[in-house]
PDB file of N, CA and C in Angstrom:
ATOM      1  N   UNK A   1     -11.033 -43.923 -10.583  1.00  0.00           N
ATOM      2  CA  UNK A   1     -11.272 -45.100 -10.552  1.00  0.00           C
ATOM      3  C   UNK A   1      -9.830 -45.533  -9.664  1.00  0.00           C
ATOM      4  N   UNK A   2     -10.279 -47.472  -9.577  1.00  0.00           N
ATOM      5  CA  UNK A   2      -9.671 -47.712  -8.273  1.00  0.00           C
ATOM      6  C   UNK A   2      -9.129 -50.063  -8.871  1.00  0.00           C
ATOM      7  N   UNK A   3      -8.071 -49.618  -8.658  1.00  0.00           N
ATOM      8  CA  UNK A   3      -7.344 -50.936  -9.459  1.00  0.00           C
ATOM      9  C   UNK A   3      -7.256 -51.433  -7.808  1.00  0.00           C
ATOM     10  N   UNK A   4      -7.133 -52.645  -8.037  1.00  0.00           N
ATOM     11  CA  UNK A   4      -7.397 -53.250  -6.340  1.00  0.00           C
ATOM     12  C   UNK A   4      -6.191 -54.262  -6.846  1.00  0.00           C
ATOM     13  N   UNK A   5      -4.508 -54.731  -6.355  1.00  0.00           N
ATOM     14  CA  UNK A   5      -4.270 -55.579  -7.515  1.00  0.00           C
ATOM     15  C   UNK A   5      -2.642 -56.359  -6.340  1.00  0.00           C
ATOM     16  N   UNK A   6      -2.008 -57.080  -6.310  1.00  0.00           N
ATOM     17  CA  UNK A   6      -1.669 -57.480  -6.391  1.00  0.00           C
ATOM     18  C   UNK A   6      -0.367 -57.810  -6.691  1.00  0.00           C
ATOM     19  N   UNK A   7      -0.132 -57.599  -8.167  1.00  0.00           N
ATOM     20  CA  UNK A   7       0.555 -57.800  -8.776  1.00  0.00           C
ATOM     21  C   UNK A   7       1.308 -55.988  -8.996  1.00  0.00           C
ATOM     22  N   UNK A   8       2.422 -56.261  -8.443  1.00  0.00           N
ATOM     23  CA  UNK A   8       3.045 -54.529  -8.210  1.00  0.00           C
ATOM     24  C   UNK A   8       3.842 -53.916  -9.811  1.00  0.00           C
ATOM     25  N   UNK A   9       3.603 -54.658 -10.070  1.00  0.00           N
ATOM     26  CA  UNK A   9       4.418 -54.239 -12.254  1.00  0.00           C
ATOM     27  C   UNK A   9       3.020 -53.300 -12.514  1.00  0.00           C
ATOM     28  N   UNK A  10       2.123 -54.443 -12.275  1.00  0.00           N
ATOM     29  CA  UNK A  10       0.842 -53.791 -12.828  1.00  0.00           C
ATOM     30  C   UNK A  10      -0.198 -52.367 -11.909  1.00  0.00           C
ATOM     31  N   UNK A  11       0.439 -52.406 -10.897  1.00  0.00           N
ATOM     32  CA  UNK A  11      -0.139 -51.837 -10.134  1.00  0.00           C
ATOM     33  C   UNK A  11       0.535 -49.486 -10.118  1.00  0.00           C
ATOM     34  N   UNK A  12       2.062 -50.268 -10.180  1.00  0.00           N
ATOM     35  CA  UNK A  12       2.902 -48.832 -11.053  1.00  0.00           C
ATOM     36  C   UNK A  12       2.695 -48.510 -12.299  1.00  0.00           C
ATOM     37  N   UNK A  13       2.530 -48.786 -13.084  1.00  0.00           N
ATOM     38  CA  UNK A  13       2.309 -49.544 -14.709  1.00  0.00           C
ATOM     39  C   UNK A  13       1.212 -48.457 -15.129  1.00  0.00           C
ATOM     40  N   UNK A  14      -0.391 -48.857 -14.066  1.00  0.00           N
ATOM     41  CA  UNK A  14      -1.760 -47.975 -14.203  1.00  0.00           C
ATOM     42  C   UNK A  14      -2.042 -46.764 -13.461  1.00  0.00           C
ATOM     43  N   UNK A  15      -1.131 -46.987 -12.681  1.00  0.00           N
ATOM     44  CA  UNK A  15      -1.345 -45.430 -11.295  1.00  0.00           C
ATOM     45  C   UNK A  15      -1.099 -44.361 -11.910  1.00  0.00           C
ATOM     46  N   UNK A  16      -1.508 -43.389 -11.262  1.00  0.00           N
ATOM     47  CA  UNK A  16      -0.682 -42.358 -10.782  1.00  0.00           C
ATOM     48  C   UNK A  16       0.749 -42.089  -9.587  1.00  0.00           C
ATOM     49  N   UNK A  17      -0.945 -42.292  -9.153  1.00  0.00           N
ATOM     50  CA  UNK A  17      -0.666 -42.196  -6.413  1.00  0.00           C
ATOM     51  C   UNK A  17      -1.613 -44.023  -6.586  1.00  0.00           C
ATOM     52  N   UNK A  18      -0.281 -44.191  -6.001  1.00  0.00           N
ATOM     53  CA  UNK A  18      -0.746 -45.929  -5.390  1.00  0.00           C
ATOM     54  C   UNK A  18      -0.726 -45.363  -3.511  1.00  0.00           C
ATOM     55  N   UNK A  19      -2.179 -46.315  -2.907  1.00  0.00           N
ATOM     56  CA  UNK A  19      -2.371 -46.154  -1.524  1.00  0.00           C
ATOM     57  C   UNK A  19      -2.244 -47.727  -1.606  1.00  0.00           C
ATOM     58  N   UNK A  20      -1.570 -47.802   0.294  1.00  0.00           N
ATOM     59  CA  UNK A  20      -1.206 -49.261   0.379  1.00  0.00           C
ATOM     60  C   UNK A  20      -2.541 -49.305   1.541  1.00  0.00           C
ATOM     61  N   UNK A  21      -2.988 -51.111   1.319  1.00  0.00           N
ATOM     62  CA  UNK A  21      -3.635 -50.867   2.448  1.00  0.00           C
ATOM     63  C   UNK A  21      -3.340 -52.148   3.227  1.00  0.00           C
ATOM     64  N   UNK A  22      -3.723 -52.094   4.768  1.00  0.00           N
ATOM     65  CA  UNK A  22      -3.005 -53.087   5.421  1.00  0.00           C
ATOM     66  C   UNK A  22      -3.397 -53.469   6.788  1.00  0.00           C
ATOM     67  N   UNK A  23      -3.509 -54.544   6.915  1.00  0.00           N
ATOM     68  CA  UNK A  23      -4.193 -54.464   8.682  1.00  0.00           C
ATOM     69  C   UNK A  23      -4.742 -53.901   8.860  1.00  0.00           C
ATOM     70  N   UNK A  24      -5.662 -52.728   8.307  1.00  0.00           N
ATOM     71  CA  UNK A  24      -7.005 -52.265   8.645  1.00  0.00           C
ATOM     72  C   UNK A  24      -6.484 -50.527   8.275  1.00  0.00           C
ATOM     73  N   UNK A  25      -5.381 -50.857   7.943  1.00  0.00           N
ATOM     74  CA  UNK A  25      -4.625 -49.162   7.980  1.00  0.00           C
ATOM     75  C   UNK A  25      -4.223 -48.749   6.036  1.00  0.00           C
ATOM     76  N   UNK A  26      -4.860 -47.182   5.995  1.00  0.00           N
ATOM     77  CA  UNK A  26      -3.625 -46.878   4.939  1.00  0.00           C
ATOM     78  C   UNK A  26      -3.328 -45.813   5.209  1.00  0.00           C
ATOM     79  N   UNK A  27      -2.234 -46.569   3.862  1.00  0.00           N
ATOM     80  CA  UNK A  27      -1.602 -45.026   3.125  1.00  0.00           C
ATOM     81  C   UNK A  27      -1.925 -44.190   3.353  1.00  0.00           C
ATOM     82  N   UNK A  28      -0.739 -43.089   2.865  1.00  0.00           N
ATOM     83  CA  UNK A  28      -1.034 -41.679   2.451  1.00  0.00           C
ATOM     84  C   UNK A  28      -1.001 -42.472   0.687  1.00  0.00           C
ATOM     85  N   UNK A  29      -1.517 -40.909   0.093  1.00  0.00           N
ATOM     86  CA  UNK A  29      -1.092 -41.426  -1.605  1.00  0.00           C
ATOM     87  C   UNK A  29       0.604 -40.725  -1.865  1.00  0.00           C
ATOM     88  N   UNK A  30       0.509 -41.838  -2.718  1.00  0.00           N
ATOM     89  CA  UNK A  30       2.423 -41.676  -3.513  1.00  0.00           C
ATOM     90  C   UNK A  30       2.614 -41.466  -4.498  1.00  0.00           C
ATOM     91  N   UNK A  31       3.163 -40.388  -5.424  1.00  0.00           N
ATOM     92  CA  UNK A  31       3.065 -40.280  -7.065  1.00  0.00           C
ATOM     93  C   UNK A  31       3.599 -41.586  -7.173  1.00  0.00           C
ATOM     94  N   UNK A  32       3.691 -42.095  -8.500  1.00  0.00           N
ATOM     95  CA  UNK A  32       4.059 -43.001  -9.070  1.00  0.00           C
ATOM     96  C   UNK A  32       5.535 -43.001  -8.724  1.00  0.00           C
ATOM     97  N   UNK A  33       6.527 -43.608  -8.707  1.00  0.00           N
ATOM     98  CA  UNK A  33       8.219 -43.423  -8.658  1.00  0.00           C
ATOM     99  C   UNK A  33       8.261 -43.171  -7.460  1.00  0.00           C
ATOM    100  N   UNK A  34       7.301 -42.388  -6.589  1.00  0.00           N
ATOM    101  CA  UNK A  34       8.070 -41.643  -5.140  1.00  0.00           C
ATOM    102  C   UNK A  34       8.628 -43.614  -4.165  1.00  0.00           C
ATOM    103  N   UNK A  35       7.494 -44.719  -4.576  1.00  0.00           N
ATOM    104  CA  UNK A  35       8.434 -45.010  -3.241  1.00  0.00           C
ATOM    105  C   UNK A  35       8.349 -47.108  -4.562  1.00  0.00           C
ATOM    106  N   UNK A  36       9.654 -48.001  -3.940  1.00  0.00           N
ATOM    107  CA  UNK A  36      10.022 -49.095  -5.068  1.00  0.00           C
ATOM    108  C   UNK A  36       8.941 -49.656  -5.356  1.00  0.00           C
ATOM    109  N   UNK A  37       8.984 -50.864  -5.947  1.00  0.00           N
ATOM    110  CA  UNK A  37       8.511 -51.569  -5.253  1.00  0.00           C
ATOM    111  C   UNK A  37       8.439 -52.464  -3.833  1.00  0.00           C
ATOM    112  N   UNK A  38       9.677 -52.589  -3.851  1.00  0.00           N
ATOM    113  CA  UNK A  38      10.304 -53.240  -2.307  1.00  0.00           C
ATOM    114  C   UNK A  38       9.707 -52.832  -1.606  1.00  0.00           C
ATOM    115  N   UNK A  39       9.781 -51.618  -1.806  1.00  0.00           N
ATOM    116  CA  UNK A  39       8.831 -51.067   0.208  1.00  0.00           C
ATOM    117  C   UNK A  39       7.219 -50.764   0.428  1.00  0.00           C
ATOM    118  N   UNK A  40       6.110 -50.720  -1.196  1.00  0.00           N
ATOM    119  CA  UNK A  40       5.198 -50.893  -1.388  1.00  0.00           C
ATOM    120  C   UNK A  40       5.023 -52.665  -1.553  1.00  0.00           C
ATOM    121  N   UNK A  41       5.777 -53.218  -1.358  1.00  0.00           N
ATOM    122  CA  UNK A  41       5.774 -54.444  -1.070  1.00  0.00           C
ATOM    123  C   UNK A  41       5.824 -54.715   0.827  1.00  0.00           C
ATOM    124  N   UNK A  42       6.222 -54.671   0.932  1.00  0.00           N
ATOM    125  CA  UNK A  42       7.274 -54.388   2.751  1.00  0.00           C
ATOM    126  C   UNK A  42       5.792 -53.828   3.169  1.00  0.00           C
ATOM    127  N   UNK A  43       5.260 -52.326   2.808  1.00  0.00           N
ATOM    128  CA  UNK A  43       3.662 -51.725   3.039  1.00  0.00           C
ATOM    129  C   UNK A  43       2.650 -52.478   3.456  1.00  0.00           C
ATOM    130  N   UNK A  44       2.255 -54.062   1.903  1.00  0.00           N
ATOM    131  CA  UNK A  44       1.003 -54.476   1.851  1.00  0.00           C
ATOM    132  C   UNK A  44       1.936 -56.141   3.080  1.00  0.00           C
ATOM    133  N   UNK A  45       2.642 -56.557   3.311  1.00  0.00           N
ATOM    134  CA  UNK A  45       2.808 -57.298   4.507  1.00  0.00           C
ATOM    135  C   UNK A  45       2.641 -56.957   5.624  1.00  0.00           C
ATOM    136  N   UNK A  46       2.870 -55.163   5.728  1.00  0.00           N
ATOM    137  CA  UNK A  46       2.279 -54.003   7.601  1.00  0.00           C
ATOM    138  C   UNK A  46       3.346 -53.669   7.286  1.00  0.00           C
ATOM    139  N   UNK A  47       4.681 -53.447   7.137  1.00  0.00           N
ATOM    140  CA  UNK A  47       5.768 -53.126   7.818  1.00  0.00           C
ATOM    141  C   UNK A  47       5.526 -51.252   6.477  1.00  0.00           C
ATOM    142  N   UNK A  48       6.723 -50.746   7.080  1.00  0.00           N
ATOM    143  CA  UNK A  48       6.366 -49.614   7.092  1.00  0.00           C
ATOM    144  C   UNK A  48       6.078 -48.002   7.409  1.00  0.00           C
ATOM    145  N   UNK A  49       4.565 -49.022   8.069  1.00  0.00           N
ATOM    146  CA  UNK A  49       3.349 -47.365   8.184  1.00  0.00           C
ATOM    147  C   UNK A  49       3.595 -46.729   9.260  1.00  0.00           C
ATOM    148  N   UNK A  50       4.993 -47.174  10.088  1.00  0.00           N
ATOM    149  CA  UNK A  50       5.353 -45.743  11.445  1.00  0.00           C
ATOM    150  C   UNK A  50       6.049 -44.968  10.380  1.00  0.00           C
ATOM    151  N   UNK A  51       6.342 -45.027   9.875  1.00  0.00           N
ATOM    152  CA  UNK A  51       7.556 -43.836   8.457  1.00  0.00           C
ATOM    153  C   UNK A  51       7.175 -43.529   7.171  1.00  0.00           C
ATOM    154  N   UNK A  52       5.960 -43.992   6.809  1.00  0.00           N
ATOM    155  CA  UNK A  52       4.723 -43.923   5.979  1.00  0.00           C
ATOM    156  C   UNK A  52       5.365 -42.730   4.886  1.00  0.00           C
ATOM    157  N   UNK A  53       4.712 -41.579   5.234  1.00  0.00           N
ATOM    158  CA  UNK A  53       4.918 -40.284   5.458  1.00  0.00           C
ATOM    159  C   UNK A  53       6.317 -39.147   4.770  1.00  0.00           C
TER     160      UNK A  53
END
């Protein structure tokens, strides 16, 4: 299933693995709980892709 949403609480609640797409880049998959809402939000804004792994 693919879930696309800007509501990070919804994404975290409904997903086992989260990817972020921003500025034409796709992050690695993160298991639920590995990244905070703040970290995922920053990635959505294009920050943190250099240290995404």
